Amino acid sequence: MILDDLEGLLGERLLAAREGSAREGSYSVTLLLDTEKARRKVMEEAFELTLELGREPIDRERTAEEAADLLFHTLAGLVGAGVPLSSVMAVLEDRWQ
């Protein structure tokens, strides 16, 4: 499942590893270290996704791209804030029961 991948090597762990290595010029590392930038990108991507969802007709490919951008930036913000994705998933599980 893709959400498992977000916690694993494709997501949270990868971002956390990049934070530890702090490669100069890495966009991911910039987001992890600059919480203001991460917050702004989450707001920007949420707005862009909202715009795409309101278009008639909806461009499914573009909407998926914006949703992916929002997920990526949200995950980066969570990692930078020290909030594990497993905590978010636990909240969702509680809500769906």
PDB file of N, CA and C in Angstrom:
ATOM      1  N   MET A   1       0.846  -1.182   0.000  1.00  0.00           N
ATOM      2  CA  MET A   1       0.000   0.000   0.000  1.00  0.00           C
ATOM      3  C   MET A   1       0.892   1.247   0.000  1.00  0.00           C
ATOM      4  N   ILE A   2       0.504   2.253  -0.734  1.00  0.00           N
ATOM      5  CA  ILE A   2       1.328   3.455  -0.874  1.00  0.00           C
ATOM      6  C   ILE A   2       1.528   4.195   0.444  1.00  0.00           C
ATOM      7  N   LEU A   3       0.528   4.176   1.331  1.00  0.00           N
ATOM      8  CA  LEU A   3       0.710   4.853   2.613  1.00  0.00           C
ATOM      9  C   LEU A   3       1.800   4.177   3.430  1.00  0.00           C
ATOM     10  N   ASP A   4       1.932   2.863   3.310  1.00  0.00           N
ATOM     11  CA  ASP A   4       3.044   2.177   3.959  1.00  0.00           C
ATOM     12  C   ASP A   4       4.366   2.656   3.380  1.00  0.00           C
ATOM     13  N   ASP A   5       4.394   2.881   2.072  1.00  0.00           N
ATOM     14  CA  ASP A   5       5.600   3.384   1.426  1.00  0.00           C
ATOM     15  C   ASP A   5       5.954   4.789   1.926  1.00  0.00           C
ATOM     16  N   LEU A   6       4.940   5.587   2.263  1.00  0.00           N
ATOM     17  CA  LEU A   6       5.214   6.922   2.795  1.00  0.00           C
ATOM     18  C   LEU A   6       5.950   6.843   4.125  1.00  0.00           C
ATOM     19  N   GLU A   7       5.693   5.810   4.904  1.00  0.00           N
ATOM     20  CA  GLU A   7       6.406   5.627   6.155  1.00  0.00           C
ATOM     21  C   GLU A   7       7.775   4.999   5.917  1.00  0.00           C
ATOM     22  N   GLY A   8       7.895   4.228   4.868  1.00  0.00           N
ATOM     23  CA  GLY A   8       9.102   3.449   4.629  1.00  0.00           C
ATOM     24  C   GLY A   8      10.145   4.181   3.816  1.00  0.00           C
ATOM     25  N   LEU A   9      10.798   3.426   2.976  1.00  0.00           N
ATOM     26  CA  LEU A   9      11.951   3.921   2.234  1.00  0.00           C
ATOM     27  C   LEU A   9      11.623   5.030   1.257  1.00  0.00           C
ATOM     28  N   LEU A  10      10.385   5.110   0.801  1.00  0.00           N
ATOM     29  CA  LEU A  10      10.037   6.134  -0.175  1.00  0.00           C
ATOM     30  C   LEU A  10       9.626   7.449   0.483  1.00  0.00           C
ATOM     31  N   GLY A  11       9.440   7.455   1.778  1.00  0.00           N
ATOM     32  CA  GLY A  11       8.899   8.655   2.399  1.00  0.00           C
ATOM     33  C   GLY A  11       9.599   9.094   3.663  1.00  0.00           C
ATOM     34  N   GLU A  12       8.941   8.820   4.775  1.00  0.00           N
ATOM     35  CA  GLU A  12       9.377   9.342   6.063  1.00  0.00           C
ATOM     36  C   GLU A  12      10.820   8.974   6.395  1.00  0.00           C
ATOM     37  N   ARG A  13      11.182   7.724   6.239  1.00  0.00           N
ATOM     38  CA  ARG A  13      12.558   7.304   6.572  1.00  0.00           C
ATOM     39  C   ARG A  13      13.574   7.953   5.640  1.00  0.00           C
ATOM     40  N   LEU A  14      13.218   8.042   4.379  1.00  0.00           N
ATOM     41  CA  LEU A  14      14.116   8.681   3.412  1.00  0.00           C
ATOM     42  C   LEU A  14      14.322  10.150   3.767  1.00  0.00           C
ATOM     43  N   LEU A  15      13.241  10.845   4.087  1.00  0.00           N
ATOM     44  CA  LEU A  15      13.362  12.259   4.468  1.00  0.00           C
ATOM     45  C   LEU A  15      14.177  12.413   5.747  1.00  0.00           C
ATOM     46  N   ALA A  16      13.925  11.554   6.725  1.00  0.00           N
ATOM     47  CA  ALA A  16      14.676  11.621   7.975  1.00  0.00           C
ATOM     48  C   ALA A  16      16.164  11.358   7.730  1.00  0.00           C
ATOM     49  N   ALA A  17      16.466  10.424   6.840  1.00  0.00           N
ATOM     50  CA  ALA A  17      17.870  10.141   6.505  1.00  0.00           C
ATOM     51  C   ALA A  17      18.510  11.339   5.822  1.00  0.00           C
ATOM     52  N   ARG A  18      17.754  11.987   4.961  1.00  0.00           N
ATOM     53  CA  ARG A  18      18.292  13.173   4.291  1.00  0.00           C
ATOM     54  C   ARG A  18      18.529  14.294   5.284  1.00  0.00           C
ATOM     55  N   GLU A  19      17.643  14.414   6.267  1.00  0.00           N
ATOM     56  CA  GLU A  19      17.820  15.438   7.288  1.00  0.00           C
ATOM     57  C   GLU A  19      19.130  15.201   8.032  1.00  0.00           C
ATOM     58  N   GLY A  20      19.413  13.932   8.317  1.00  0.00           N
ATOM     59  CA  GLY A  20      20.646  13.586   9.017  1.00  0.00           C
ATOM     60  C   GLY A  20      21.893  13.804   8.179  1.00  0.00           C
ATOM     61  N   SER A  21      21.783  13.646   6.864  1.00  0.00           N
ATOM     62  CA  SER A  21      22.953  13.802   6.003  1.00  0.00           C
ATOM     63  C   SER A  21      23.149  15.245   5.564  1.00  0.00           C
ATOM     64  N   ALA A  22      22.071  16.015   5.556  1.00  0.00           N
ATOM     65  CA  ALA A  22      22.098  17.444   5.213  1.00  0.00           C
ATOM     66  C   ALA A  22      22.927  17.737   3.963  1.00  0.00           C
ATOM     67  N   ARG A  23      22.567  17.078   2.860  1.00  0.00           N
ATOM     68  CA  ARG A  23      23.234  17.354   1.587  1.00  0.00           C
ATOM     69  C   ARG A  23      22.978  18.798   1.185  1.00  0.00           C
ATOM     70  N   GLU A  24      24.044  19.512   0.926  1.00  0.00           N
ATOM     71  CA  GLU A  24      23.919  20.920   0.545  1.00  0.00           C
ATOM     72  C   GLU A  24      23.135  21.053  -0.757  1.00  0.00           C
ATOM     73  N   GLY A  25      22.170  21.948  -0.769  1.00  0.00           N
ATOM     74  CA  GLY A  25      21.377  22.200  -1.953  1.00  0.00           C
ATOM     75  C   GLY A  25      20.183  21.281  -2.121  1.00  0.00           C
ATOM     76  N   SER A  26      20.001  20.322  -1.222  1.00  0.00           N
ATOM     77  CA  SER A  26      18.883  19.395  -1.322  1.00  0.00           C
ATOM     78  C   SER A  26      17.585  20.103  -0.961  1.00  0.00           C
ATOM     79  N   TYR A  27      16.610  20.017  -1.867  1.00  0.00           N
ATOM     80  CA  TYR A  27      15.314  20.643  -1.613  1.00  0.00           C
ATOM     81  C   TYR A  27      14.649  20.026  -0.395  1.00  0.00           C
ATOM     82  N   SER A  28      14.722  18.701  -0.291  1.00  0.00           N
ATOM     83  CA  SER A  28      14.124  18.012   0.852  1.00  0.00           C
ATOM     84  C   SER A  28      14.725  18.494   2.162  1.00  0.00           C
ATOM     85  N   VAL A  29      16.032  18.593   2.209  1.00  0.00           N
ATOM     86  CA  VAL A  29      16.712  19.046   3.433  1.00  0.00           C
ATOM     87  C   VAL A  29      16.317  20.479   3.757  1.00  0.00           C
ATOM     88  N   THR A  30      16.192  21.311   2.738  1.00  0.00           N
ATOM     89  CA  THR A  30      15.757  22.692   2.960  1.00  0.00           C
ATOM     90  C   THR A  30      14.400  22.728   3.651  1.00  0.00           C
ATOM     91  N   LEU A  31      13.472  21.895   3.191  1.00  0.00           N
ATOM     92  CA  LEU A  31      12.144  21.842   3.805  1.00  0.00           C
ATOM     93  C   LEU A  31      12.210  21.348   5.247  1.00  0.00           C
ATOM     94  N   LEU A  32      13.081  20.376   5.502  1.00  0.00           N
ATOM     95  CA  LEU A  32      13.190  19.808   6.847  1.00  0.00           C
ATOM     96  C   LEU A  32      13.792  20.791   7.835  1.00  0.00           C
ATOM     97  N   LEU A  33      14.709  21.609   7.369  1.00  0.00           N
ATOM     98  CA  LEU A  33      15.404  22.536   8.262  1.00  0.00           C
ATOM     99  C   LEU A  33      14.730  23.896   8.363  1.00  0.00           C
ATOM    100  N   ASP A  34      13.937  24.251   7.370  1.00  0.00           N
ATOM    101  CA  ASP A  34      13.266  25.554   7.345  1.00  0.00           C
ATOM    102  C   ASP A  34      11.764  25.327   7.493  1.00  0.00           C
ATOM    103  N   THR A  35      11.307  25.326   8.744  1.00  0.00           N
ATOM    104  CA  THR A  35       9.901  25.004   8.994  1.00  0.00           C
ATOM    105  C   THR A  35       8.959  26.038   8.388  1.00  0.00           C
ATOM    106  N   GLU A  36       9.396  27.283   8.300  1.00  0.00           N
ATOM    107  CA  GLU A  36       8.561  28.316   7.668  1.00  0.00           C
ATOM    108  C   GLU A  36       8.337  27.987   6.192  1.00  0.00           C
ATOM    109  N   LYS A  37       9.403  27.589   5.511  1.00  0.00           N
ATOM    110  CA  LYS A  37       9.279  27.223   4.097  1.00  0.00           C
ATOM    111  C   LYS A  37       8.367  26.008   3.932  1.00  0.00           C
ATOM    112  N   ALA A  38       8.522  25.032   4.806  1.00  0.00           N
ATOM    113  CA  ALA A  38       7.676  23.838   4.730  1.00  0.00           C
ATOM    114  C   ALA A  38       6.211  24.213   4.922  1.00  0.00           C
ATOM    115  N   ARG A  39       5.918  25.066   5.894  1.00  0.00           N
ATOM    116  CA  ARG A  39       4.528  25.484   6.124  1.00  0.00           C
ATOM    117  C   ARG A  39       3.974  26.219   4.915  1.00  0.00           C
ATOM    118  N   ARG A  40       4.758  27.106   4.358  1.00  0.00           N
ATOM    119  CA  ARG A  40       4.298  27.860   3.186  1.00  0.00           C
ATOM    120  C   ARG A  40       4.021  26.941   1.993  1.00  0.00           C
ATOM    121  N   LYS A  41       4.880  25.931   1.815  1.00  0.00           N
ATOM    122  CA  LYS A  41       4.675  25.001   0.698  1.00  0.00           C
ATOM    123  C   LYS A  41       3.433  24.149   0.910  1.00  0.00           C
ATOM    124  N   VAL A  42       3.152  23.751   2.141  1.00  0.00           N
ATOM    125  CA  VAL A  42       1.929  22.993   2.404  1.00  0.00           C
ATOM    126  C   VAL A  42       0.718  23.850   2.053  1.00  0.00           C
ATOM    127  N   MET A  43       0.728  25.116   2.477  1.00  0.00           N
ATOM    128  CA  MET A  43      -0.391  26.007   2.159  1.00  0.00           C
ATOM    129  C   MET A  43      -0.528  26.210   0.656  1.00  0.00           C
ATOM    130  N   GLU A  44       0.588  26.413  -0.025  1.00  0.00           N
ATOM    131  CA  GLU A  44       0.566  26.619  -1.478  1.00  0.00           C
ATOM    132  C   GLU A  44       0.011  25.401  -2.199  1.00  0.00           C
ATOM    133  N   GLU A  45       0.501  24.221  -1.826  1.00  0.00           N
ATOM    134  CA  GLU A  45       0.066  23.004  -2.510  1.00  0.00           C
ATOM    135  C   GLU A  45      -1.396  22.692  -2.196  1.00  0.00           C
ATOM    136  N   ALA A  46      -1.842  22.968  -0.983  1.00  0.00           N
ATOM    137  CA  ALA A  46      -3.254  22.764  -0.636  1.00  0.00           C
ATOM    138  C   ALA A  46      -4.134  23.685  -1.479  1.00  0.00           C
ATOM    139  N   PHE A  47      -3.698  24.920  -1.645  1.00  0.00           N
ATOM    140  CA  PHE A  47      -4.453  25.871  -2.460  1.00  0.00           C
ATOM    141  C   PHE A  47      -4.511  25.408  -3.916  1.00  0.00           C
ATOM    142  N   GLU A  48      -3.372  24.965  -4.448  1.00  0.00           N
ATOM    143  CA  GLU A  48      -3.339  24.510  -5.840  1.00  0.00           C
ATOM    144  C   GLU A  48      -4.214  23.275  -6.047  1.00  0.00           C
ATOM    145  N   LEU A  49      -4.218  22.363  -5.079  1.00  0.00           N
ATOM    146  CA  LEU A  49      -5.097  21.194  -5.181  1.00  0.00           C
ATOM    147  C   LEU A  49      -6.557  21.633  -5.146  1.00  0.00           C
ATOM    148  N   THR A  50      -6.876  22.580  -4.287  1.00  0.00           N
ATOM    149  CA  THR A  50      -8.243  23.092  -4.200  1.00  0.00           C
ATOM    150  C   THR A  50      -8.682  23.696  -5.529  1.00  0.00           C
ATOM    151  N   LEU A  51      -7.796  24.432  -6.164  1.00  0.00           N
ATOM    152  CA  LEU A  51      -8.119  25.001  -7.475  1.00  0.00           C
ATOM    153  C   LEU A  51      -8.407  23.903  -8.494  1.00  0.00           C
ATOM    154  N   GLU A  52      -7.568  22.887  -8.516  1.00  0.00           N
ATOM    155  CA  GLU A  52      -7.758  21.796  -9.474  1.00  0.00           C
ATOM    156  C   GLU A  52      -9.071  21.064  -9.225  1.00  0.00           C
ATOM    157  N   LEU A  53      -9.425  20.876  -7.968  1.00  0.00           N
ATOM    158  CA  LEU A  53     -10.672  20.181  -7.644  1.00  0.00           C
ATOM    159  C   LEU A  53     -11.902  20.981  -8.039  1.00  0.00           C
ATOM    160  N   GLY A  54     -11.729  22.285  -8.210  1.00  0.00           N
ATOM    161  CA  GLY A  54     -12.849  23.135  -8.580  1.00  0.00           C
ATOM    162  C   GLY A  54     -12.986  23.380 -10.076  1.00  0.00           C
ATOM    163  N   ARG A  55     -12.073  22.865 -10.862  1.00  0.00           N
ATOM    164  CA  ARG A  55     -12.132  23.084 -12.314  1.00  0.00           C
ATOM    165  C   ARG A  55     -13.209  22.213 -12.948  1.00  0.00           C
ATOM    166  N   GLU A  56     -13.776  22.724 -14.031  1.00  0.00           N
ATOM    167  CA  GLU A  56     -14.754  21.969 -14.830  1.00  0.00           C
ATOM    168  C   GLU A  56     -14.271  21.932 -16.266  1.00  0.00           C
ATOM    169  N   PRO A  57     -13.963  20.843 -16.831  1.00  0.00           N
ATOM    170  CA  PRO A  57     -13.901  19.533 -16.200  1.00  0.00           C
ATOM    171  C   PRO A  57     -12.593  19.389 -15.414  1.00  0.00           C
ATOM    172  N   ILE A  58     -12.583  18.468 -14.507  1.00  0.00           N
ATOM    173  CA  ILE A  58     -11.391  18.220 -13.700  1.00  0.00           C
ATOM    174  C   ILE A  58     -10.344  17.520 -14.554  1.00  0.00           C
ATOM    175  N   ASP A  59      -9.126  18.045 -14.511  1.00  0.00           N
ATOM    176  CA  ASP A  59      -7.980  17.411 -15.158  1.00  0.00           C
ATOM    177  C   ASP A  59      -7.419  16.411 -14.143  1.00  0.00           C
ATOM    178  N   ARG A  60      -7.719  15.145 -14.332  1.00  0.00           N
ATOM    179  CA  ARG A  60      -7.357  14.128 -13.345  1.00  0.00           C
ATOM    180  C   ARG A  60      -5.845  14.017 -13.144  1.00  0.00           C
ATOM    181  N   GLU A  61      -5.090  14.120 -14.215  1.00  0.00           N
ATOM    182  CA  GLU A  61      -3.632  14.010 -14.099  1.00  0.00           C
ATOM    183  C   GLU A  61      -3.070  15.176 -13.286  1.00  0.00           C
ATOM    184  N   ARG A  62      -3.501  16.372 -13.612  1.00  0.00           N
ATOM    185  CA  ARG A  62      -3.021  17.558 -12.894  1.00  0.00           C
ATOM    186  C   ARG A  62      -3.452  17.527 -11.430  1.00  0.00           C
ATOM    187  N   THR A  63      -4.673  17.066 -11.184  1.00  0.00           N
ATOM    188  CA  THR A  63      -5.167  16.964  -9.811  1.00  0.00           C
ATOM    189  C   THR A  63      -4.330  15.962  -9.016  1.00  0.00           C
ATOM    190  N   ALA A  64      -3.993  14.844  -9.633  1.00  0.00           N
ATOM    191  CA  ALA A  64      -3.147  13.847  -8.975  1.00  0.00           C
ATOM    192  C   ALA A  64      -1.765  14.418  -8.676  1.00  0.00           C
ATOM    193  N   GLU A  65      -1.216  15.196  -9.601  1.00  0.00           N
ATOM    194  CA  GLU A  65       0.090  15.817  -9.379  1.00  0.00           C
ATOM    195  C   GLU A  65       0.055  16.775  -8.194  1.00  0.00           C
ATOM    196  N   GLU A  66      -0.998  17.578  -8.119  1.00  0.00           N
ATOM    197  CA  GLU A  66      -1.108  18.529  -7.007  1.00  0.00           C
ATOM    198  C   GLU A  66      -1.311  17.802  -5.678  1.00  0.00           C
ATOM    199  N   ALA A  67      -2.091  16.718  -5.704  1.00  0.00           N
ATOM    200  CA  ALA A  67      -2.286  15.933  -4.490  1.00  0.00           C
ATOM    201  C   ALA A  67      -0.964  15.307  -4.039  1.00  0.00           C
ATOM    202  N   ALA A  68      -0.175  14.824  -4.989  1.00  0.00           N
ATOM    203  CA  ALA A  68       1.132  14.256  -4.659  1.00  0.00           C
ATOM    204  C   ALA A  68       2.050  15.318  -4.061  1.00  0.00           C
ATOM    205  N   ASP A  69       2.032  16.519  -4.632  1.00  0.00           N
ATOM    206  CA  ASP A  69       2.837  17.617  -4.094  1.00  0.00           C
ATOM    207  C   ASP A  69       2.427  17.932  -2.654  1.00  0.00           C
ATOM    208  N   LEU A  70       1.112  17.948  -2.411  1.00  0.00           N
ATOM    209  CA  LEU A  70       0.624  18.234  -1.062  1.00  0.00           C
ATOM    210  C   LEU A  70       1.062  17.143  -0.089  1.00  0.00           C
ATOM    211  N   LEU A  71       0.945  15.883  -0.490  1.00  0.00           N
ATOM    212  CA  LEU A  71       1.374  14.790   0.385  1.00  0.00           C
ATOM    213  C   LEU A  71       2.869  14.872   0.687  1.00  0.00           C
ATOM    214  N   PHE A  72       3.673  15.124  -0.329  1.00  0.00           N
ATOM    215  CA  PHE A  72       5.118  15.217  -0.133  1.00  0.00           C
ATOM    216  C   PHE A  72       5.467  16.343   0.851  1.00  0.00           C
ATOM    217  N   HIS A  73       4.915  17.518   0.615  1.00  0.00           N
ATOM    218  CA  HIS A  73       5.248  18.656   1.470  1.00  0.00           C
ATOM    219  C   HIS A  73       4.691  18.496   2.879  1.00  0.00           C
ATOM    220  N   THR A  74       3.534  17.857   2.996  1.00  0.00           N
ATOM    221  CA  THR A  74       2.988  17.564   4.321  1.00  0.00           C
ATOM    222  C   THR A  74       3.902  16.604   5.059  1.00  0.00           C
ATOM    223  N   LEU A  75       4.358  15.571   4.373  1.00  0.00           N
ATOM    224  CA  LEU A  75       5.261  14.603   4.989  1.00  0.00           C
ATOM    225  C   LEU A  75       6.566  15.265   5.414  1.00  0.00           C
ATOM    226  N   ALA A  76       7.108  16.123   4.570  1.00  0.00           N
ATOM    227  CA  ALA A  76       8.334  16.841   4.922  1.00  0.00           C
ATOM    228  C   ALA A  76       8.101  17.713   6.158  1.00  0.00           C
ATOM    229  N   GLY A  77       6.958  18.378   6.208  1.00  0.00           N
ATOM    230  CA  GLY A  77       6.638  19.206   7.367  1.00  0.00           C
ATOM    231  C   GLY A  77       6.522  18.374   8.634  1.00  0.00           C
ATOM    232  N   LEU A  78       5.896  17.209   8.522  1.00  0.00           N
ATOM    233  CA  LEU A  78       5.768  16.328   9.679  1.00  0.00           C
ATOM    234  C   LEU A  78       7.123  15.831  10.170  1.00  0.00           C
ATOM    235  N   VAL A  79       7.963  15.399   9.240  1.00  0.00           N
ATOM    236  CA  VAL A  79       9.292  14.919   9.612  1.00  0.00           C
ATOM    237  C   VAL A  79      10.084  16.052  10.270  1.00  0.00           C
ATOM    238  N   GLY A  80      10.030  17.239   9.689  1.00  0.00           N
ATOM    239  CA  GLY A  80      10.743  18.382  10.251  1.00  0.00           C
ATOM    240  C   GLY A  80      10.254  18.747  11.644  1.00  0.00           C
ATOM    241  N   ALA A  81       8.973  18.480  11.906  1.00  0.00           N
ATOM    242  CA  ALA A  81       8.387  18.793  13.213  1.00  0.00           C
ATOM    243  C   ALA A  81       8.514  17.631  14.196  1.00  0.00           C
ATOM    244  N   GLY A  82       9.046  16.512  13.723  1.00  0.00           N
ATOM    245  CA  GLY A  82       9.202  15.358  14.600  1.00  0.00           C
ATOM    246  C   GLY A  82       7.905  14.615  14.876  1.00  0.00           C
ATOM    247  N   VAL A  83       6.938  14.735  13.974  1.00  0.00           N
ATOM    248  CA  VAL A  83       5.651  14.046  14.124  1.00  0.00           C
ATOM    249  C   VAL A  83       5.654  12.845  13.184  1.00  0.00           C
ATOM    250  N   PRO A  84       5.697  11.633  13.722  1.00  0.00           N
ATOM    251  CA  PRO A  84       5.742  10.462  12.840  1.00  0.00           C
ATOM    252  C   PRO A  84       4.424  10.246  12.103  1.00  0.00           C
ATOM    253  N   LEU A  85       4.533   9.775  10.892  1.00  0.00           N
ATOM    254  CA  LEU A  85       3.348   9.474  10.097  1.00  0.00           C
ATOM    255  C   LEU A  85       2.478   8.435  10.793  1.00  0.00           C
ATOM    256  N   SER A  86       3.097   7.566  11.569  1.00  0.00           N
ATOM    257  CA  SER A  86       2.319   6.556  12.300  1.00  0.00           C
ATOM    258  C   SER A  86       1.335   7.213  13.260  1.00  0.00           C
ATOM    259  N   SER A  87       1.667   8.370  13.802  1.00  0.00           N
ATOM    260  CA  SER A  87       0.738   9.101  14.671  1.00  0.00           C
ATOM    261  C   SER A  87      -0.458   9.604  13.879  1.00  0.00           C
ATOM    262  N   VAL A  88      -0.200  10.094  12.680  1.00  0.00           N
ATOM    263  CA  VAL A  88      -1.279  10.565  11.808  1.00  0.00           C
ATOM    264  C   VAL A  88      -2.168   9.390  11.427  1.00  0.00           C
ATOM    265  N   MET A  89      -1.562   8.275  11.073  1.00  0.00           N
ATOM    266  CA  MET A  89      -2.317   7.099  10.678  1.00  0.00           C
ATOM    267  C   MET A  89      -3.171   6.576  11.849  1.00  0.00           C
ATOM    268  N   ALA A  90      -2.658   6.653  13.075  1.00  0.00           N
ATOM    269  CA  ALA A  90      -3.415   6.214  14.243  1.00  0.00           C
ATOM    270  C   ALA A  90      -4.658   7.092  14.433  1.00  0.00           C
ATOM    271  N   VAL A  91      -4.516   8.392  14.217  1.00  0.00           N
ATOM    272  CA  VAL A  91      -5.665   9.277  14.318  1.00  0.00           C
ATOM    273  C   VAL A  91      -6.706   8.915  13.274  1.00  0.00           C
ATOM    274  N   LEU A  92      -6.266   8.671  12.039  1.00  0.00           N
ATOM    275  CA  LEU A  92      -7.196   8.285  10.980  1.00  0.00           C
ATOM    276  C   LEU A  92      -7.897   6.972  11.299  1.00  0.00           C
ATOM    277  N   GLU A  93      -7.146   6.007  11.800  1.00  0.00           N
ATOM    278  CA  GLU A  93      -7.743   4.725  12.155  1.00  0.00           C
ATOM    279  C   GLU A  93      -8.825   4.906  13.215  1.00  0.00           C
ATOM    280  N   ASP A  94      -8.562   5.743  14.223  1.00  0.00           N
ATOM    281  CA  ASP A  94      -9.553   6.011  15.262  1.00  0.00           C
ATOM    282  C   ASP A  94     -10.806   6.645  14.685  1.00  0.00           C
ATOM    283  N   ARG A  95     -10.616   7.545  13.731  1.00  0.00           N
ATOM    284  CA  ARG A  95     -11.757   8.242  13.126  1.00  0.00           C
ATOM    285  C   ARG A  95     -12.596   7.329  12.255  1.00  0.00           C
ATOM    286  N   TRP A  96     -12.007   6.325  11.666  1.00  0.00           N
ATOM    287  CA  TRP A  96     -12.714   5.443  10.750  1.00  0.00           C
ATOM    288  C   TRP A  96     -13.367   4.253  11.442  1.00  0.00           C
ATOM    289  N   GLN A  97     -13.222   4.168  12.743  1.00  0.00           N
ATOM    290  CA  GLN A  97     -13.813   3.032  13.472  1.00  0.00           C
ATOM    291  C   GLN A  97     -15.204   3.349  13.913  1.00  0.00           C
TER     292      GLN A  97
END
